Amino acid sequence: MALPTDLGTATSNRLHGSSPAGKPSLIVPVGSTEQHGPHLPLDTDTRIAEAVARAAAPRIGAGWLLAPAVSYGASGEHEGFPGTVSIGTEALRLVLTEFGRSACSWATRLVFVNGHGGNVEALAAAVTLLRAEGRDAAWSSCTVRGADAHAGHTETSVLLHISPENVRIEERVPGNRAPLSELMPAMRRGGVAAVSEIGVLGDPTTATEQDGARLFAAMVDGCVRRVSAWSPDARGMLL
């Protein structure tokens, strides 16, 4: 019987004996529903995390199932913009903790693949607790070197590669291109709206599908390498 690859379309009986250990492993995209400027969809972070996880899973090894994404996260910094739905760090921590406790009753290993920086605190707390309870859980982010902060060149390029029909090319405009370290004091007080009226940190007008293909490949390669090595740090983040 062929191994299921997606948890959402699998049946319970198909999960018995689906790996050499007798149990499958689970890869779980974690994203957000938040503004991404005038040109990118609200589910950009979820879309990227799901695409990375889907591409990475078959390369990691047999027995890995792709779970439906956790599509709401800790996005309070974007609440100055319509469409953003944030459940906050504490609620996300509880969701991820209970997700892990339940899934690890039948899955041998669990990794969260994160597409939104605001989720990191919740991920680290949840996975640290899961590991302390004896569950083999970890997390990894969809990061690349030199990425800009939000809805700029990086995310727009990746969306042009994985989901071009959802990019409103004609509505791309440059946002605040100052380094994130300079913007953080104002953002802590007033969120992204305090530093960018359009919600963009970076310059999406320079984005290309070719850059997106390169950036996406780097995200997938990094995820495959980290999950395959399986070396979580003290916070459960894969190195």
C-alpha atoms as a PDB file:
ATOM      1  CA  MET A   1       0.000   0.000   0.000  1.00  0.00           C
ATOM      2  CA  ALA A   2       1.481   3.354  -1.068  1.00  0.00           C
ATOM      3  CA  LEU A   3       2.617   5.737   1.652  1.00  0.00           C
ATOM      4  CA  PRO A   4       0.360   8.787   2.135  1.00  0.00           C
ATOM      5  CA  THR A   5       2.136  12.118   1.721  1.00  0.00           C
ATOM      6  CA  ASP A   6      -0.563  14.509   3.006  1.00  0.00           C
ATOM      7  CA  LEU A   7      -2.122  14.125   6.445  1.00  0.00           C
ATOM      8  CA  GLY A   8      -5.297  15.916   5.412  1.00  0.00           C
ATOM      9  CA  THR A   9      -6.153  13.446   2.652  1.00  0.00           C
ATOM     10  CA  ALA A  10      -4.878  10.304   4.399  1.00  0.00           C
ATOM     11  CA  THR A  11      -7.081   7.860   6.268  1.00  0.00           C
ATOM     12  CA  SER A  12      -6.328   6.598   9.753  1.00  0.00           C
ATOM     13  CA  ASN A  13      -5.686   2.999   8.741  1.00  0.00           C
ATOM     14  CA  ARG A  14      -3.154   4.123   6.089  1.00  0.00           C
ATOM     15  CA  LEU A  15      -0.892   5.512   8.815  1.00  0.00           C
ATOM     16  CA  HIS A  16      -0.171   2.131  10.407  1.00  0.00           C
ATOM     17  CA  GLY A  17       3.275   0.833   9.504  1.00  0.00           C
ATOM     18  CA  SER A  18       3.998   3.775   7.197  1.00  0.00           C
ATOM     19  CA  SER A  19       7.662   4.034   8.235  1.00  0.00           C
ATOM     20  CA  PRO A  20      10.397   1.601   9.308  1.00  0.00           C
ATOM     21  CA  ALA A  21       9.699   2.582  12.923  1.00  0.00           C
ATOM     22  CA  GLY A  22       6.026   1.772  12.448  1.00  0.00           C
ATOM     23  CA  LYS A  23       4.904   5.372  12.846  1.00  0.00           C
ATOM     24  CA  PRO A  24       5.061   8.336  10.450  1.00  0.00           C
ATOM     25  CA  SER A  25       6.790  11.658  11.106  1.00  0.00           C
ATOM     26  CA  LEU A  26       4.955  14.942  10.645  1.00  0.00           C
ATOM     27  CA  ILE A  27       6.029  18.228   9.036  1.00  0.00           C
ATOM     28  CA  VAL A  28       3.735  21.123   9.964  1.00  0.00           C
ATOM     29  CA  PRO A  29       3.756  24.525   8.206  1.00  0.00           C
ATOM     30  CA  VAL A  30       3.097  27.456  10.540  1.00  0.00           C
ATOM     31  CA  GLY A  31       2.245  30.845   9.050  1.00  0.00           C
ATOM     32  CA  SER A  32       0.000  33.826   9.608  1.00  0.00           C
ATOM     33  CA  THR A  33      -2.898  35.807   8.227  1.00  0.00           C
ATOM     34  CA  GLU A  34      -1.641  39.388   8.079  1.00  0.00           C
ATOM     35  CA  GLN A  35      -1.208  42.333   5.753  1.00  0.00           C
ATOM     36  CA  HIS A  36       1.583  42.133   3.210  1.00  0.00           C
ATOM     37  CA  GLY A  37       1.270  45.536   1.599  1.00  0.00           C
ATOM     38  CA  PRO A  38      -1.026  46.342  -1.319  1.00  0.00           C
ATOM     39  CA  HIS A  39       0.437  43.671  -3.605  1.00  0.00           C
ATOM     40  CA  LEU A  40       0.713  40.386  -1.672  1.00  0.00           C
ATOM     41  CA  PRO A  41      -2.042  38.186  -0.191  1.00  0.00           C
ATOM     42  CA  LEU A  42      -2.779  38.000   3.519  1.00  0.00           C
ATOM     43  CA  ASP A  43      -1.714  34.337   3.598  1.00  0.00           C
ATOM     44  CA  THR A  44       1.785  34.991   2.205  1.00  0.00           C
ATOM     45  CA  ASP A  45       3.630  33.569   5.228  1.00  0.00           C
ATOM     46  CA  THR A  46       1.428  30.474   5.325  1.00  0.00           C
ATOM     47  CA  ARG A  47       1.755  30.031   1.564  1.00  0.00           C
ATOM     48  CA  ILE A  48       5.572  30.113   1.758  1.00  0.00           C
ATOM     49  CA  ALA A  49       5.779  27.799   4.782  1.00  0.00           C
ATOM     50  CA  GLU A  50       3.454  25.269   3.131  1.00  0.00           C
ATOM     51  CA  ALA A  51       5.376  25.346  -0.162  1.00  0.00           C
ATOM     52  CA  VAL A  52       8.721  24.887   1.600  1.00  0.00           C
ATOM     53  CA  ALA A  53       7.404  22.022   3.735  1.00  0.00           C
ATOM     54  CA  ARG A  54       5.777  20.327   0.744  1.00  0.00           C
ATOM     55  CA  ALA A  55       8.969  20.515  -1.310  1.00  0.00           C
ATOM     56  CA  ALA A  56      11.192  19.436   1.590  1.00  0.00           C
ATOM     57  CA  ALA A  57       9.200  16.462   2.916  1.00  0.00           C
ATOM     58  CA  PRO A  58       9.943  13.917   0.140  1.00  0.00           C
ATOM     59  CA  ARG A  59      13.637  14.845   0.213  1.00  0.00           C
ATOM     60  CA  ILE A  60      14.015  14.242   3.955  1.00  0.00           C
ATOM     61  CA  GLY A  61      13.185  10.561   3.770  1.00  0.00           C
ATOM     62  CA  ALA A  62      10.423   7.990   3.886  1.00  0.00           C
ATOM     63  CA  GLY A  63       7.596   8.291   6.360  1.00  0.00           C
ATOM     64  CA  TRP A  64       7.125  12.083   6.412  1.00  0.00           C
ATOM     65  CA  LEU A  65       3.571  13.425   6.201  1.00  0.00           C
ATOM     66  CA  LEU A  66       2.684  17.038   5.379  1.00  0.00           C
ATOM     67  CA  ALA A  67       0.079  18.378   7.816  1.00  0.00           C
ATOM     68  CA  PRO A  68      -2.451  21.096   6.988  1.00  0.00           C
ATOM     69  CA  ALA A  69      -0.945  24.469   7.885  1.00  0.00           C
ATOM     70  CA  VAL A  70      -1.494  26.386  11.096  1.00  0.00           C
ATOM     71  CA  SER A  71      -2.537  29.582   9.342  1.00  0.00           C
ATOM     72  CA  TYR A  72      -3.051  32.038  12.219  1.00  0.00           C
ATOM     73  CA  GLY A  73      -0.123  33.309  14.243  1.00  0.00           C
ATOM     74  CA  ALA A  74       1.213  36.079  16.453  1.00  0.00           C
ATOM     75  CA  SER A  75       0.869  39.121  14.190  1.00  0.00           C
ATOM     76  CA  GLY A  76       0.068  41.926  16.603  1.00  0.00           C
ATOM     77  CA  GLU A  77       2.573  44.238  14.899  1.00  0.00           C
ATOM     78  CA  HIS A  78       0.333  44.244  11.812  1.00  0.00           C
ATOM     79  CA  GLU A  79      -2.996  44.957  13.517  1.00  0.00           C
ATOM     80  CA  GLY A  80      -3.031  48.523  12.181  1.00  0.00           C
ATOM     81  CA  PHE A  81      -4.061  47.057   8.806  1.00  0.00           C
ATOM     82  CA  PRO A  82      -7.405  45.483   7.778  1.00  0.00           C
ATOM     83  CA  GLY A  83      -7.361  41.745   7.161  1.00  0.00           C
ATOM     84  CA  THR A  84      -4.795  40.913   9.826  1.00  0.00           C
ATOM     85  CA  VAL A  85      -5.986  38.246  12.257  1.00  0.00           C
ATOM     86  CA  SER A  86      -3.607  37.662  15.164  1.00  0.00           C
ATOM     87  CA  ILE A  87      -4.200  35.108  17.900  1.00  0.00           C
ATOM     88  CA  GLY A  88      -1.168  36.319  19.885  1.00  0.00           C
ATOM     89  CA  THR A  89       1.864  34.574  21.301  1.00  0.00           C
ATOM     90  CA  GLU A  90       0.198  32.908  24.273  1.00  0.00           C
ATOM     91  CA  ALA A  91      -2.679  31.436  22.270  1.00  0.00           C
ATOM     92  CA  LEU A  92      -0.300  30.239  19.548  1.00  0.00           C
ATOM     93  CA  ARG A  93       1.949  28.654  22.176  1.00  0.00           C
ATOM     94  CA  LEU A  94      -1.020  26.731  23.555  1.00  0.00           C
ATOM     95  CA  VAL A  95      -2.183  25.663  20.075  1.00  0.00           C
ATOM     96  CA  LEU A  96       1.283  24.374  19.120  1.00  0.00           C
ATOM     97  CA  THR A  97       1.743  22.629  22.466  1.00  0.00           C
ATOM     98  CA  GLU A  98      -1.577  20.812  22.266  1.00  0.00           C
ATOM     99  CA  PHE A  99      -1.004  20.059  18.572  1.00  0.00           C
ATOM    100  CA  GLY A 100       2.311  18.427  19.457  1.00  0.00           C
ATOM    101  CA  ARG A 101       0.926  16.480  22.399  1.00  0.00           C
ATOM    102  CA  SER A 102      -1.854  15.039  20.277  1.00  0.00           C
ATOM    103  CA  ALA A 103       0.155  14.354  17.109  1.00  0.00           C
ATOM    104  CA  CYS A 104       3.021  12.736  18.986  1.00  0.00           C
ATOM    105  CA  SER A 105       0.653  10.086  20.307  1.00  0.00           C
ATOM    106  CA  TRP A 106       0.836   8.511  16.825  1.00  0.00           C
ATOM    107  CA  ALA A 107       3.748  10.284  15.067  1.00  0.00           C
ATOM    108  CA  THR A 108       7.321   9.396  15.940  1.00  0.00           C
ATOM    109  CA  ARG A 109       8.755  12.860  15.159  1.00  0.00           C
ATOM    110  CA  LEU A 110       7.311  16.357  14.582  1.00  0.00           C
ATOM    111  CA  VAL A 111       8.784  19.489  13.023  1.00  0.00           C
ATOM    112  CA  PHE A 112       7.107  22.880  12.677  1.00  0.00           C
ATOM    113  CA  VAL A 113       8.225  24.844   9.586  1.00  0.00           C
ATOM    114  CA  ASN A 114       7.716  28.517  10.349  1.00  0.00           C
ATOM    115  CA  GLY A 115       6.997  31.270   7.824  1.00  0.00           C
ATOM    116  CA  HIS A 116       6.445  34.255  10.169  1.00  0.00           C
ATOM    117  CA  GLY A 117       9.041  35.841  12.452  1.00  0.00           C
ATOM    118  CA  GLY A 118       6.433  36.874  15.005  1.00  0.00           C
ATOM    119  CA  ASN A 119       5.754  33.195  15.759  1.00  0.00           C
ATOM    120  CA  VAL A 120       9.243  32.430  17.042  1.00  0.00           C
ATOM    121  CA  GLU A 121       8.597  33.121  20.726  1.00  0.00           C
ATOM    122  CA  ALA A 122       5.572  30.815  20.753  1.00  0.00           C
ATOM    123  CA  LEU A 123       7.356  28.105  18.774  1.00  0.00           C
ATOM    124  CA  ALA A 124      10.382  28.122  21.068  1.00  0.00           C
ATOM    125  CA  ALA A 125       8.230  27.930  24.213  1.00  0.00           C
ATOM    126  CA  ALA A 126       5.936  25.210  22.874  1.00  0.00           C
ATOM    127  CA  VAL A 127       8.688  22.996  21.469  1.00  0.00           C
ATOM    128  CA  THR A 128      10.866  23.408  24.568  1.00  0.00           C
ATOM    129  CA  LEU A 129       7.971  22.107  26.661  1.00  0.00           C
ATOM    130  CA  LEU A 130       7.177  19.271  24.243  1.00  0.00           C
ATOM    131  CA  ARG A 131      10.779  18.129  24.342  1.00  0.00           C
ATOM    132  CA  ALA A 132      10.877  18.353  28.142  1.00  0.00           C
ATOM    133  CA  GLU A 133       7.841  16.074  28.168  1.00  0.00           C
ATOM    134  CA  GLY A 134       9.758  13.508  26.104  1.00  0.00           C
ATOM    135  CA  ARG A 135       8.349  14.235  22.650  1.00  0.00           C
ATOM    136  CA  ASP A 136      10.682  14.364  19.657  1.00  0.00           C
ATOM    137  CA  ALA A 137       9.669  17.797  18.371  1.00  0.00           C
ATOM    138  CA  ALA A 138      11.597  20.666  16.790  1.00  0.00           C
ATOM    139  CA  TRP A 139      11.093  23.734  14.620  1.00  0.00           C
ATOM    140  CA  SER A 140      12.795  25.457  11.694  1.00  0.00           C
ATOM    141  CA  SER A 141      12.214  28.782   9.928  1.00  0.00           C
ATOM    142  CA  CYS A 142      12.019  29.613   6.200  1.00  0.00           C
ATOM    143  CA  THR A 143      15.007  31.944   6.281  1.00  0.00           C
ATOM    144  CA  VAL A 144      17.620  33.024   3.757  1.00  0.00           C
ATOM    145  CA  ARG A 145      20.637  35.276   4.097  1.00  0.00           C
ATOM    146  CA  GLY A 146      20.165  38.897   3.154  1.00  0.00           C
ATOM    147  CA  ALA A 147      16.359  38.810   3.229  1.00  0.00           C
ATOM    148  CA  ASP A 148      14.494  42.065   3.739  1.00  0.00           C
ATOM    149  CA  ALA A 149      11.954  42.350   6.510  1.00  0.00           C
ATOM    150  CA  HIS A 150       8.390  42.254   5.192  1.00  0.00           C
ATOM    151  CA  ALA A 151       6.610  42.189   1.811  1.00  0.00           C
ATOM    152  CA  GLY A 152       9.701  43.500   0.048  1.00  0.00           C
ATOM    153  CA  HIS A 153      12.062  41.971  -2.479  1.00  0.00           C
ATOM    154  CA  THR A 154      12.379  38.591  -0.754  1.00  0.00           C
ATOM    155  CA  GLU A 155       8.753  37.616  -0.144  1.00  0.00           C
ATOM    156  CA  THR A 156       7.553  39.178  -3.388  1.00  0.00           C
ATOM    157  CA  SER A 157      10.156  37.269  -5.398  1.00  0.00           C
ATOM    158  CA  VAL A 158       9.239  33.981  -3.707  1.00  0.00           C
ATOM    159  CA  LEU A 159       5.527  34.561  -4.373  1.00  0.00           C
ATOM    160  CA  LEU A 160       6.303  35.383  -8.020  1.00  0.00           C
ATOM    161  CA  HIS A 161       7.880  31.914  -8.175  1.00  0.00           C
ATOM    162  CA  ILE A 162       5.386  29.789  -6.232  1.00  0.00           C
ATOM    163  CA  SER A 163       2.146  31.735  -6.695  1.00  0.00           C
ATOM    164  CA  PRO A 164       2.493  34.424  -9.389  1.00  0.00           C
ATOM    165  CA  GLU A 165      -1.251  34.698  -9.956  1.00  0.00           C
ATOM    166  CA  ASN A 166      -1.604  36.107  -6.425  1.00  0.00           C
ATOM    167  CA  VAL A 167       0.903  38.952  -6.822  1.00  0.00           C
ATOM    168  CA  ARG A 168      -0.605  42.302  -7.829  1.00  0.00           C
ATOM    169  CA  ILE A 169       2.343  43.497  -9.886  1.00  0.00           C
ATOM    170  CA  GLU A 170       0.854  46.890 -10.705  1.00  0.00           C
ATOM    171  CA  GLU A 171       0.373  47.711  -7.001  1.00  0.00           C
ATOM    172  CA  ARG A 172       3.981  47.180  -5.904  1.00  0.00           C
ATOM    173  CA  VAL A 173       5.541  50.268  -4.319  1.00  0.00           C
ATOM    174  CA  PRO A 174       8.718  50.645  -2.230  1.00  0.00           C
ATOM    175  CA  GLY A 175       8.321  50.640   1.525  1.00  0.00           C
ATOM    176  CA  ASN A 176      10.611  51.652   4.359  1.00  0.00           C
ATOM    177  CA  ARG A 177      14.052  50.288   3.476  1.00  0.00           C
ATOM    178  CA  ALA A 178      15.828  51.185   6.724  1.00  0.00           C
ATOM    179  CA  PRO A 179      17.494  48.301   8.606  1.00  0.00           C
ATOM    180  CA  LEU A 180      15.095  46.454  10.897  1.00  0.00           C
ATOM    181  CA  SER A 181      17.313  47.246  13.899  1.00  0.00           C
ATOM    182  CA  GLU A 182      16.637  50.961  13.321  1.00  0.00           C
ATOM    183  CA  LEU A 183      12.891  50.440  12.965  1.00  0.00           C
ATOM    184  CA  MET A 184      12.312  48.209  15.989  1.00  0.00           C
ATOM    185  CA  PRO A 185      11.937  50.935  18.677  1.00  0.00           C
ATOM    186  CA  ALA A 186       9.106  52.630  16.741  1.00  0.00           C
ATOM    187  CA  MET A 187       7.573  49.262  15.801  1.00  0.00           C
ATOM    188  CA  ARG A 188       7.475  48.175  19.445  1.00  0.00           C
ATOM    189  CA  ARG A 189       5.431  51.269  20.225  1.00  0.00           C
ATOM    190  CA  GLY A 190       3.147  51.387  17.191  1.00  0.00           C
ATOM    191  CA  GLY A 191       3.647  48.290  15.044  1.00  0.00           C
ATOM    192  CA  VAL A 192       4.494  48.251  11.358  1.00  0.00           C
ATOM    193  CA  ALA A 193       2.061  51.105  10.682  1.00  0.00           C
ATOM    194  CA  ALA A 194       4.339  53.394  12.696  1.00  0.00           C
ATOM    195  CA  VAL A 195       7.174  52.966  10.185  1.00  0.00           C
ATOM    196  CA  SER A 196       5.350  52.215   6.912  1.00  0.00           C
ATOM    197  CA  GLU A 197       1.947  53.538   5.869  1.00  0.00           C
ATOM    198  CA  ILE A 198       1.664  50.829   3.215  1.00  0.00           C
ATOM    199  CA  GLY A 199       2.884  47.986   5.437  1.00  0.00           C
ATOM    200  CA  VAL A 200       5.992  47.218   3.394  1.00  0.00           C
ATOM    201  CA  LEU A 201       9.525  46.979   4.795  1.00  0.00           C
ATOM    202  CA  GLY A 202      11.779  46.664   1.763  1.00  0.00           C
ATOM    203  CA  ASP A 203      11.391  47.191  -1.973  1.00  0.00           C
ATOM    204  CA  PRO A 204       9.087  44.799  -3.850  1.00  0.00           C
ATOM    205  CA  THR A 205       9.586  46.634  -7.159  1.00  0.00           C
ATOM    206  CA  THR A 206      12.937  44.876  -7.621  1.00  0.00           C
ATOM    207  CA  ALA A 207      11.445  41.385  -7.178  1.00  0.00           C
ATOM    208  CA  THR A 208      11.720  38.818  -9.972  1.00  0.00           C
ATOM    209  CA  GLU A 209      10.584  35.236 -10.484  1.00  0.00           C
ATOM    210  CA  GLN A 210      14.221  34.251 -11.116  1.00  0.00           C
ATOM    211  CA  ASP A 211      15.263  35.597  -7.706  1.00  0.00           C
ATOM    212  CA  GLY A 212      12.243  33.865  -6.236  1.00  0.00           C
ATOM    213  CA  ALA A 213      13.299  30.502  -7.634  1.00  0.00           C
ATOM    214  CA  ARG A 214      16.774  30.941  -6.156  1.00  0.00           C
ATOM    215  CA  LEU A 215      15.472  32.103  -2.764  1.00  0.00           C
ATOM    216  CA  PHE A 216      12.875  29.351  -2.580  1.00  0.00           C
ATOM    217  CA  ALA A 217      15.451  26.678  -3.434  1.00  0.00           C
ATOM    218  CA  ALA A 218      17.663  28.011  -0.635  1.00  0.00           C
ATOM    219  CA  MET A 219      14.738  27.845   1.821  1.00  0.00           C
ATOM    220  CA  VAL A 220      13.956  24.260   0.845  1.00  0.00           C
ATOM    221  CA  ASP A 221      17.606  23.172   0.906  1.00  0.00           C
ATOM    222  CA  GLY A 222      18.030  24.703   4.356  1.00  0.00           C
ATOM    223  CA  CYS A 223      14.927  22.975   5.662  1.00  0.00           C
ATOM    224  CA  VAL A 224      16.021  19.596   4.263  1.00  0.00           C
ATOM    225  CA  ARG A 225      19.505  19.982   5.718  1.00  0.00           C
ATOM    226  CA  ARG A 226      18.295  20.998   9.192  1.00  0.00           C
ATOM    227  CA  VAL A 227      15.569  18.358   9.478  1.00  0.00           C
ATOM    228  CA  SER A 228      17.843  15.612   8.146  1.00  0.00           C
ATOM    229  CA  ALA A 229      20.582  16.535  10.644  1.00  0.00           C
ATOM    230  CA  TRP A 230      18.011  16.776  13.484  1.00  0.00           C
ATOM    231  CA  SER A 231      20.113  18.741  15.947  1.00  0.00           C
ATOM    232  CA  PRO A 232      17.748  20.914  18.028  1.00  0.00           C
ATOM    233  CA  ASP A 233      19.218  23.607  20.241  1.00  0.00           C
ATOM    234  CA  ALA A 234      18.038  24.440  23.762  1.00  0.00           C
ATOM    235  CA  ARG A 235      14.880  26.091  22.345  1.00  0.00           C
ATOM    236  CA  GLY A 236      14.114  23.222  19.992  1.00  0.00           C
ATOM    237  CA  MET A 237      15.271  25.116  16.891  1.00  0.00           C
ATOM    238  CA  LEU A 238      17.009  22.931  14.327  1.00  0.00           C
ATOM    239  CA  LEU A 239      20.578  23.980  13.561  1.00  0.00           C
END
